Amino acid sequence: MNYLLNGPVILLARLILGGVFILASLDKISNPEAFAAAIGNYHVLPFGLENLLALILPWLEFITGIFIIAGIMVDGAAIMIIIMNMIFIIAISQALARGISIECGCFSVSSAAEGDKIGIITVIRDIGYLILGFLIFYRQKHKFEFFPKPV
């Protein structure tokens, strides 16, 4: 059982989480103005910071996704993914608590689909990604990795 949790499960978690973050970043990278508007809908940041975050966050998602899949500095990538998911969960939860009904801006910002509205399912999905991030960070075997932390 220990082998299972340290071998195939961790590799699968890396592939899933990395793929999700790469996929989530692509539309945001190509449409930073739409992503800035999606961030603005949460009503938590000043206008200038919305624009700055819309330029930085998608690239951070893309790079951490690549790193976690490729096995490059997996611990650092996992920490960044954990932090981003915690921020996403807090942002979505506060919007839900305030009764704000908005598009998520999670995967597609250029075509706001009706099914992309925030809700408890969005929070549960992000908690699942958070759990995957913790599984990867607390793994015991460092297989298929470059620059692992010293054990």
N, C-alpha and C. Protein backbone atom coordinates (compact mmCIF):
# COMPACT_ATOMS: atom_id res chain seq x y z
N MET A 1 0.82 -1.20 0.00
CA MET A 1 0.00 0.00 0.00
C MET A 1 0.86 1.25 0.00
N ASN A 2 1.96 1.23 0.79
CA ASN A 2 2.85 2.38 0.85
C ASN A 2 3.46 2.66 -0.52
N TYR A 3 3.81 1.59 -1.26
CA TYR A 3 4.35 1.76 -2.60
C TYR A 3 3.33 2.43 -3.51
N LEU A 4 2.08 2.01 -3.37
CA LEU A 4 1.02 2.56 -4.21
C LEU A 4 0.87 4.06 -3.99
N LEU A 5 0.91 4.48 -2.73
CA LEU A 5 0.75 5.90 -2.42
C LEU A 5 1.98 6.72 -2.78
N ASN A 6 3.12 6.08 -2.90
CA ASN A 6 4.33 6.81 -3.24
C ASN A 6 4.73 6.68 -4.69
N GLY A 7 4.17 5.73 -5.39
CA GLY A 7 4.54 5.52 -6.78
C GLY A 7 3.49 6.03 -7.74
N PRO A 8 2.64 5.12 -8.22
CA PRO A 8 1.68 5.49 -9.26
C PRO A 8 0.69 6.58 -8.86
N VAL A 9 0.25 6.60 -7.62
CA VAL A 9 -0.73 7.60 -7.19
C VAL A 9 -0.13 9.00 -7.24
N ILE A 10 1.09 9.14 -6.78
CA ILE A 10 1.76 10.45 -6.78
C ILE A 10 2.03 10.90 -8.22
N LEU A 11 2.47 9.98 -9.06
CA LEU A 11 2.71 10.33 -10.46
C LEU A 11 1.41 10.75 -11.15
N LEU A 12 0.33 10.02 -10.89
CA LEU A 12 -0.97 10.38 -11.45
C LEU A 12 -1.43 11.74 -10.92
N ALA A 13 -1.24 11.98 -9.63
CA ALA A 13 -1.61 13.28 -9.04
C ALA A 13 -0.82 14.41 -9.68
N ARG A 14 0.47 14.18 -9.94
CA ARG A 14 1.28 15.20 -10.60
C ARG A 14 0.77 15.49 -12.01
N LEU A 15 0.43 14.44 -12.74
CA LEU A 15 -0.07 14.62 -14.10
C LEU A 15 -1.41 15.35 -14.13
N ILE A 16 -2.31 14.96 -13.24
CA ILE A 16 -3.63 15.60 -13.18
C ILE A 16 -3.50 17.07 -12.78
N LEU A 17 -2.79 17.31 -11.69
CA LEU A 17 -2.68 18.68 -11.18
C LEU A 17 -1.93 19.58 -12.16
N GLY A 18 -0.85 19.07 -12.72
CA GLY A 18 -0.09 19.85 -13.70
C GLY A 18 -0.94 20.15 -14.93
N GLY A 19 -1.67 19.14 -15.41
CA GLY A 19 -2.53 19.33 -16.58
C GLY A 19 -3.63 20.35 -16.32
N VAL A 20 -4.23 20.28 -15.14
CA VAL A 20 -5.29 21.23 -14.79
C VAL A 20 -4.75 22.65 -14.77
N PHE A 21 -3.58 22.85 -14.16
CA PHE A 21 -3.03 24.20 -14.07
C PHE A 21 -2.57 24.73 -15.42
N ILE A 22 -2.02 23.86 -16.26
CA ILE A 22 -1.65 24.30 -17.61
C ILE A 22 -2.90 24.66 -18.40
N LEU A 23 -3.90 23.81 -18.36
CA LEU A 23 -5.16 24.07 -19.07
C LEU A 23 -5.81 25.36 -18.59
N ALA A 24 -5.79 25.56 -17.28
CA ALA A 24 -6.41 26.76 -16.71
C ALA A 24 -5.67 28.03 -17.12
N SER A 25 -4.40 27.93 -17.39
CA SER A 25 -3.60 29.12 -17.70
C SER A 25 -3.71 29.58 -19.15
N LEU A 26 -3.98 28.68 -20.06
CA LEU A 26 -3.85 29.01 -21.48
C LEU A 26 -4.77 30.14 -21.93
N ASP A 27 -6.05 30.07 -21.63
CA ASP A 27 -6.97 31.12 -22.05
C ASP A 27 -6.69 32.43 -21.32
N LYS A 28 -6.25 32.33 -20.06
CA LYS A 28 -5.93 33.55 -19.30
C LYS A 28 -4.71 34.25 -19.86
N ILE A 29 -3.73 33.47 -20.32
CA ILE A 29 -2.53 34.06 -20.91
C ILE A 29 -2.87 34.80 -22.20
N SER A 30 -3.75 34.22 -22.99
CA SER A 30 -4.09 34.86 -24.27
C SER A 30 -5.12 35.97 -24.14
N ASN A 31 -5.81 36.05 -22.99
CA ASN A 31 -6.84 37.09 -22.77
C ASN A 31 -6.68 37.74 -21.40
N PRO A 32 -5.57 38.45 -21.17
CA PRO A 32 -5.37 39.03 -19.84
C PRO A 32 -6.41 40.08 -19.45
N GLU A 33 -6.94 40.81 -20.44
CA GLU A 33 -7.94 41.83 -20.10
C GLU A 33 -9.24 41.19 -19.63
N ALA A 34 -9.63 40.08 -20.24
CA ALA A 34 -10.85 39.37 -19.80
C ALA A 34 -10.62 38.75 -18.42
N PHE A 35 -9.40 38.26 -18.18
CA PHE A 35 -9.11 37.68 -16.88
C PHE A 35 -9.09 38.75 -15.80
N ALA A 36 -8.57 39.94 -16.13
CA ALA A 36 -8.59 41.04 -15.17
C ALA A 36 -10.03 41.42 -14.81
N ALA A 37 -10.91 41.39 -15.80
CA ALA A 37 -12.33 41.68 -15.53
C ALA A 37 -12.94 40.59 -14.64
N ALA A 38 -12.56 39.33 -14.87
CA ALA A 38 -13.07 38.23 -14.04
C ALA A 38 -12.58 38.39 -12.60
N ILE A 39 -11.33 38.79 -12.43
CA ILE A 39 -10.79 39.04 -11.09
C ILE A 39 -11.56 40.19 -10.44
N GLY A 40 -11.83 41.23 -11.21
CA GLY A 40 -12.56 42.39 -10.70
C GLY A 40 -13.95 42.05 -10.21
N ASN A 41 -14.57 41.04 -10.80
CA ASN A 41 -15.91 40.64 -10.38
C ASN A 41 -15.96 40.12 -8.94
N TYR A 42 -14.83 39.70 -8.41
CA TYR A 42 -14.79 39.21 -7.02
C TYR A 42 -14.81 40.36 -6.01
N HIS A 43 -14.50 41.57 -6.44
CA HIS A 43 -14.53 42.77 -5.60
C HIS A 43 -13.66 42.66 -4.35
N VAL A 44 -12.40 42.21 -4.55
CA VAL A 44 -11.50 42.11 -3.41
C VAL A 44 -10.18 42.87 -3.61
N LEU A 45 -9.87 43.22 -4.85
CA LEU A 45 -8.59 43.89 -5.13
C LEU A 45 -8.82 45.25 -5.78
N PRO A 46 -7.91 46.19 -5.53
CA PRO A 46 -7.97 47.46 -6.26
C PRO A 46 -7.69 47.25 -7.75
N PHE A 47 -8.14 48.18 -8.56
CA PHE A 47 -8.06 48.07 -10.02
C PHE A 47 -6.66 47.75 -10.52
N GLY A 48 -5.65 48.44 -10.05
CA GLY A 48 -4.28 48.20 -10.51
C GLY A 48 -3.78 46.81 -10.20
N LEU A 49 -4.13 46.30 -9.04
CA LEU A 49 -3.70 44.96 -8.67
C LEU A 49 -4.41 43.88 -9.49
N GLU A 50 -5.65 44.15 -9.88
CA GLU A 50 -6.36 43.20 -10.74
C GLU A 50 -5.59 42.99 -12.03
N ASN A 51 -5.13 44.09 -12.63
CA ASN A 51 -4.39 44.01 -13.88
C ASN A 51 -3.06 43.29 -13.69
N LEU A 52 -2.35 43.62 -12.62
CA LEU A 52 -1.06 42.98 -12.34
C LEU A 52 -1.25 41.48 -12.11
N LEU A 53 -2.24 41.12 -11.33
CA LEU A 53 -2.52 39.71 -11.06
C LEU A 53 -2.91 38.97 -12.33
N ALA A 54 -3.66 39.64 -13.22
CA ALA A 54 -4.09 39.02 -14.47
C ALA A 54 -2.90 38.75 -15.39
N LEU A 55 -1.83 39.48 -15.22
CA LEU A 55 -0.63 39.25 -16.02
C LEU A 55 0.29 38.20 -15.42
N ILE A 56 0.35 38.13 -14.10
CA ILE A 56 1.29 37.24 -13.42
C ILE A 56 0.71 35.86 -13.15
N LEU A 57 -0.51 35.79 -12.62
CA LEU A 57 -1.09 34.51 -12.18
C LEU A 57 -1.15 33.44 -13.27
N PRO A 58 -1.59 33.75 -14.49
CA PRO A 58 -1.64 32.69 -15.50
C PRO A 58 -0.27 32.09 -15.82
N TRP A 59 0.76 32.93 -15.85
CA TRP A 59 2.10 32.42 -16.11
C TRP A 59 2.60 31.58 -14.93
N LEU A 60 2.25 31.97 -13.73
CA LEU A 60 2.61 31.18 -12.55
C LEU A 60 1.92 29.82 -12.61
N GLU A 61 0.64 29.80 -12.98
CA GLU A 61 -0.08 28.54 -13.15
C GLU A 61 0.58 27.67 -14.21
N PHE A 62 0.93 28.27 -15.34
CA PHE A 62 1.54 27.53 -16.44
C PHE A 62 2.88 26.93 -16.03
N ILE A 63 3.74 27.75 -15.44
CA ILE A 63 5.08 27.28 -15.06
C ILE A 63 5.02 26.21 -13.99
N THR A 64 4.18 26.40 -12.96
CA THR A 64 4.08 25.37 -11.93
C THR A 64 3.50 24.08 -12.50
N GLY A 65 2.55 24.18 -13.43
CA GLY A 65 2.01 22.99 -14.08
C GLY A 65 3.07 22.23 -14.84
N ILE A 66 3.89 22.95 -15.61
CA ILE A 66 4.99 22.33 -16.36
C ILE A 66 5.98 21.68 -15.40
N PHE A 67 6.36 22.42 -14.36
CA PHE A 67 7.35 21.91 -13.41
C PHE A 67 6.86 20.66 -12.70
N ILE A 68 5.60 20.63 -12.29
CA ILE A 68 5.12 19.49 -11.52
C ILE A 68 5.00 18.24 -12.40
N ILE A 69 4.65 18.44 -13.67
CA ILE A 69 4.59 17.30 -14.60
C ILE A 69 6.00 16.83 -14.95
N ALA A 70 6.89 17.76 -15.27
CA ALA A 70 8.24 17.41 -15.69
C ALA A 70 9.12 16.93 -14.54
N GLY A 71 8.67 17.15 -13.30
CA GLY A 71 9.45 16.71 -12.14
C GLY A 71 10.57 17.66 -11.79
N ILE A 72 10.42 18.91 -12.14
CA ILE A 72 11.44 19.92 -11.85
C ILE A 72 11.02 20.68 -10.59
N MET A 73 11.84 20.59 -9.55
CA MET A 73 11.55 21.28 -8.29
C MET A 73 10.10 21.05 -7.86
N VAL A 74 9.73 19.80 -7.74
CA VAL A 74 8.35 19.41 -7.45
C VAL A 74 7.85 19.99 -6.14
N ASP A 75 8.71 20.04 -5.14
CA ASP A 75 8.28 20.59 -3.85
C ASP A 75 7.90 22.06 -3.96
N GLY A 76 8.70 22.84 -4.65
CA GLY A 76 8.38 24.25 -4.84
C GLY A 76 7.11 24.44 -5.65
N ALA A 77 6.95 23.64 -6.70
CA ALA A 77 5.75 23.73 -7.52
C ALA A 77 4.52 23.32 -6.71
N ALA A 78 4.66 22.28 -5.89
CA ALA A 78 3.53 21.84 -5.06
C ALA A 78 3.15 22.92 -4.05
N ILE A 79 4.14 23.57 -3.46
CA ILE A 79 3.86 24.65 -2.50
C ILE A 79 3.11 25.79 -3.20
N MET A 80 3.55 26.16 -4.40
CA MET A 80 2.87 27.24 -5.14
C MET A 80 1.44 26.85 -5.48
N ILE A 81 1.24 25.59 -5.87
CA ILE A 81 -0.11 25.13 -6.19
C ILE A 81 -0.99 25.11 -4.95
N ILE A 82 -0.44 24.70 -3.83
CA ILE A 82 -1.19 24.70 -2.57
C ILE A 82 -1.60 26.13 -2.21
N ILE A 83 -0.66 27.06 -2.30
CA ILE A 83 -0.96 28.46 -1.97
C ILE A 83 -2.02 29.02 -2.91
N MET A 84 -1.85 28.78 -4.23
CA MET A 84 -2.84 29.29 -5.18
C MET A 84 -4.22 28.71 -4.91
N ASN A 85 -4.30 27.41 -4.62
CA ASN A 85 -5.61 26.81 -4.35
C ASN A 85 -6.24 27.36 -3.09
N MET A 86 -5.43 27.62 -2.07
CA MET A 86 -5.98 28.22 -0.85
C MET A 86 -6.56 29.60 -1.16
N ILE A 87 -5.84 30.38 -1.96
CA ILE A 87 -6.33 31.71 -2.34
C ILE A 87 -7.61 31.59 -3.17
N PHE A 88 -7.65 30.63 -4.11
CA PHE A 88 -8.84 30.43 -4.93
C PHE A 88 -10.04 30.06 -4.06
N ILE A 89 -9.82 29.16 -3.10
CA ILE A 89 -10.91 28.72 -2.22
C ILE A 89 -11.43 29.90 -1.40
N ILE A 90 -10.52 30.71 -0.86
CA ILE A 90 -10.92 31.88 -0.07
C ILE A 90 -11.68 32.88 -0.93
N ALA A 91 -11.17 33.16 -2.14
CA ALA A 91 -11.82 34.14 -3.02
C ALA A 91 -13.22 33.69 -3.41
N ILE A 92 -13.35 32.43 -3.79
CA ILE A 92 -14.66 31.92 -4.20
C ILE A 92 -15.61 31.87 -3.01
N SER A 93 -15.11 31.44 -1.86
CA SER A 93 -15.96 31.34 -0.66
C SER A 93 -16.47 32.70 -0.21
N GLN A 94 -15.60 33.72 -0.25
CA GLN A 94 -16.05 35.05 0.18
C GLN A 94 -17.08 35.61 -0.79
N ALA A 95 -16.91 35.32 -2.08
CA ALA A 95 -17.90 35.79 -3.06
C ALA A 95 -19.24 35.09 -2.84
N LEU A 96 -19.20 33.80 -2.56
CA LEU A 96 -20.44 33.05 -2.28
C LEU A 96 -21.10 33.57 -1.01
N ALA A 97 -20.29 33.82 0.02
CA ALA A 97 -20.84 34.30 1.30
C ALA A 97 -21.48 35.68 1.14
N ARG A 98 -20.97 36.48 0.24
CA ARG A 98 -21.52 37.82 0.01
C ARG A 98 -22.65 37.80 -1.00
N GLY A 99 -22.97 36.63 -1.54
CA GLY A 99 -24.07 36.51 -2.48
C GLY A 99 -23.76 37.00 -3.88
N ILE A 100 -22.48 37.06 -4.23
CA ILE A 100 -22.09 37.53 -5.56
C ILE A 100 -22.19 36.35 -6.53
N SER A 101 -22.98 36.50 -7.57
CA SER A 101 -23.13 35.46 -8.58
C SER A 101 -22.32 35.86 -9.81
N ILE A 102 -21.16 35.21 -9.97
CA ILE A 102 -20.25 35.59 -11.05
C ILE A 102 -19.72 34.36 -11.75
N GLU A 103 -19.12 34.61 -12.91
CA GLU A 103 -18.40 33.56 -13.62
C GLU A 103 -17.10 33.31 -12.88
N CYS A 104 -16.67 32.08 -12.85
CA CYS A 104 -15.50 31.70 -12.09
C CYS A 104 -14.22 32.35 -12.61
N GLY A 105 -13.99 32.31 -13.92
CA GLY A 105 -12.73 32.78 -14.46
C GLY A 105 -11.63 31.76 -14.24
N CYS A 106 -12.02 30.52 -13.95
CA CYS A 106 -11.06 29.48 -13.60
C CYS A 106 -10.35 28.89 -14.82
N PHE A 107 -11.12 28.53 -15.84
CA PHE A 107 -10.54 27.88 -17.00
C PHE A 107 -10.70 28.67 -18.27
N SER A 108 -11.84 29.29 -18.49
CA SER A 108 -12.08 30.03 -19.71
C SER A 108 -12.61 31.42 -19.36
N VAL A 109 -11.87 32.43 -19.80
CA VAL A 109 -12.31 33.80 -19.54
C VAL A 109 -12.83 34.46 -20.80
N SER A 110 -12.50 33.90 -21.97
CA SER A 110 -12.92 34.54 -23.21
C SER A 110 -14.36 34.21 -23.58
N SER A 111 -14.81 33.02 -23.22
CA SER A 111 -16.21 32.66 -23.50
C SER A 111 -16.85 32.23 -22.20
N ALA A 112 -17.55 33.13 -21.58
CA ALA A 112 -18.16 32.85 -20.28
C ALA A 112 -19.32 31.88 -20.48
N ALA A 113 -19.07 30.64 -20.14
CA ALA A 113 -20.12 29.62 -20.25
C ALA A 113 -21.03 29.70 -19.04
N GLU A 114 -22.29 29.36 -19.25
CA GLU A 114 -23.26 29.42 -18.15
C GLU A 114 -22.88 28.46 -17.03
N GLY A 115 -22.24 27.35 -17.37
CA GLY A 115 -21.86 26.37 -16.35
C GLY A 115 -20.62 26.75 -15.58
N ASP A 116 -20.03 27.91 -15.88
CA ASP A 116 -18.79 28.32 -15.24
C ASP A 116 -19.03 29.26 -14.06
N LYS A 117 -20.26 29.32 -13.55
CA LYS A 117 -20.57 30.16 -12.40
C LYS A 117 -19.99 29.52 -11.13
N ILE A 118 -19.58 30.38 -10.20
CA ILE A 118 -19.04 29.85 -8.95
C ILE A 118 -20.17 29.22 -8.13
N GLY A 119 -19.79 28.26 -7.31
CA GLY A 119 -20.74 27.59 -6.44
C GLY A 119 -19.99 26.65 -5.51
N ILE A 120 -20.71 25.93 -4.73
CA ILE A 120 -20.08 25.01 -3.78
C ILE A 120 -19.28 23.92 -4.51
N ILE A 121 -19.72 23.55 -5.71
CA ILE A 121 -18.98 22.56 -6.50
C ILE A 121 -17.60 23.09 -6.86
N THR A 122 -17.51 24.38 -7.16
CA THR A 122 -16.21 25.00 -7.47
C THR A 122 -15.29 24.91 -6.26
N VAL A 123 -15.82 25.18 -5.08
CA VAL A 123 -15.02 25.10 -3.86
C VAL A 123 -14.58 23.66 -3.61
N ILE A 124 -15.47 22.71 -3.77
CA ILE A 124 -15.14 21.29 -3.55
C ILE A 124 -14.07 20.84 -4.55
N ARG A 125 -14.20 21.27 -5.80
CA ARG A 125 -13.20 20.92 -6.82
C ARG A 125 -11.83 21.46 -6.41
N ASP A 126 -11.78 22.71 -5.96
CA ASP A 126 -10.51 23.29 -5.56
C ASP A 126 -9.95 22.64 -4.30
N ILE A 127 -10.80 22.19 -3.41
CA ILE A 127 -10.33 21.43 -2.24
C ILE A 127 -9.71 20.12 -2.69
N GLY A 128 -10.29 19.49 -3.70
CA GLY A 128 -9.70 18.27 -4.27
C GLY A 128 -8.32 18.54 -4.83
N TYR A 129 -8.16 19.65 -5.55
CA TYR A 129 -6.84 20.01 -6.07
C TYR A 129 -5.87 20.32 -4.94
N LEU A 130 -6.38 20.92 -3.87
CA LEU A 130 -5.55 21.21 -2.70
C LEU A 130 -5.05 19.91 -2.07
N ILE A 131 -5.92 18.93 -1.95
CA ILE A 131 -5.52 17.63 -1.39
C ILE A 131 -4.46 16.97 -2.26
N LEU A 132 -4.64 17.04 -3.59
CA LEU A 132 -3.62 16.48 -4.49
C LEU A 132 -2.28 17.19 -4.28
N GLY A 133 -2.32 18.50 -4.09
CA GLY A 133 -1.09 19.25 -3.85
C GLY A 133 -0.40 18.80 -2.56
N PHE A 134 -1.17 18.58 -1.51
CA PHE A 134 -0.59 18.10 -0.26
C PHE A 134 -0.05 16.67 -0.40
N LEU A 135 -0.75 15.82 -1.14
CA LEU A 135 -0.25 14.46 -1.38
C LEU A 135 1.12 14.51 -2.07
N ILE A 136 1.23 15.36 -3.06
CA ILE A 136 2.49 15.49 -3.79
C ILE A 136 3.58 16.05 -2.88
N PHE A 137 3.26 17.06 -2.11
CA PHE A 137 4.26 17.68 -1.25
C PHE A 137 4.76 16.72 -0.17
N TYR A 138 3.88 15.92 0.39
CA TYR A 138 4.27 15.03 1.48
C TYR A 138 4.62 13.63 1.02
N ARG A 139 4.88 13.45 -0.29
CA ARG A 139 5.28 12.13 -0.78
C ARG A 139 6.60 11.74 -0.13
N GLN A 140 6.88 10.43 -0.11
CA GLN A 140 8.10 9.97 0.53
C GLN A 140 9.17 9.59 -0.48
N LYS A 141 8.78 9.17 -1.65
CA LYS A 141 9.74 8.80 -2.67
C LYS A 141 9.75 9.86 -3.75
N HIS A 142 10.94 10.17 -4.21
CA HIS A 142 11.10 11.22 -5.20
C HIS A 142 11.45 10.59 -6.55
N LYS A 143 10.46 9.97 -7.17
CA LYS A 143 10.69 9.29 -8.44
C LYS A 143 10.39 10.25 -9.59
N PHE A 144 11.18 10.10 -10.64
CA PHE A 144 10.98 10.90 -11.85
C PHE A 144 11.04 12.39 -11.56
N GLU A 145 12.06 12.81 -10.82
CA GLU A 145 12.17 14.21 -10.45
C GLU A 145 13.59 14.72 -10.68
N PHE A 146 13.68 16.01 -11.00
CA PHE A 146 14.94 16.72 -11.08
C PHE A 146 14.98 17.70 -9.93
N PHE A 147 16.10 17.85 -9.30
CA PHE A 147 16.29 18.78 -8.19
C PHE A 147 15.34 18.51 -7.02
N PRO A 148 15.26 17.24 -6.55
CA PRO A 148 14.40 17.02 -5.38
C PRO A 148 15.06 17.59 -4.12
N LYS A 149 14.24 17.82 -3.10
CA LYS A 149 14.81 18.33 -1.85
C LYS A 149 15.63 17.21 -1.20
N PRO A 150 16.69 17.56 -0.50
CA PRO A 150 17.48 16.53 0.18
C PRO A 150 16.63 15.81 1.22
N VAL A 151 16.77 14.51 1.27
CA VAL A 151 15.97 13.72 2.20
C VAL A 151 16.74 13.44 3.47
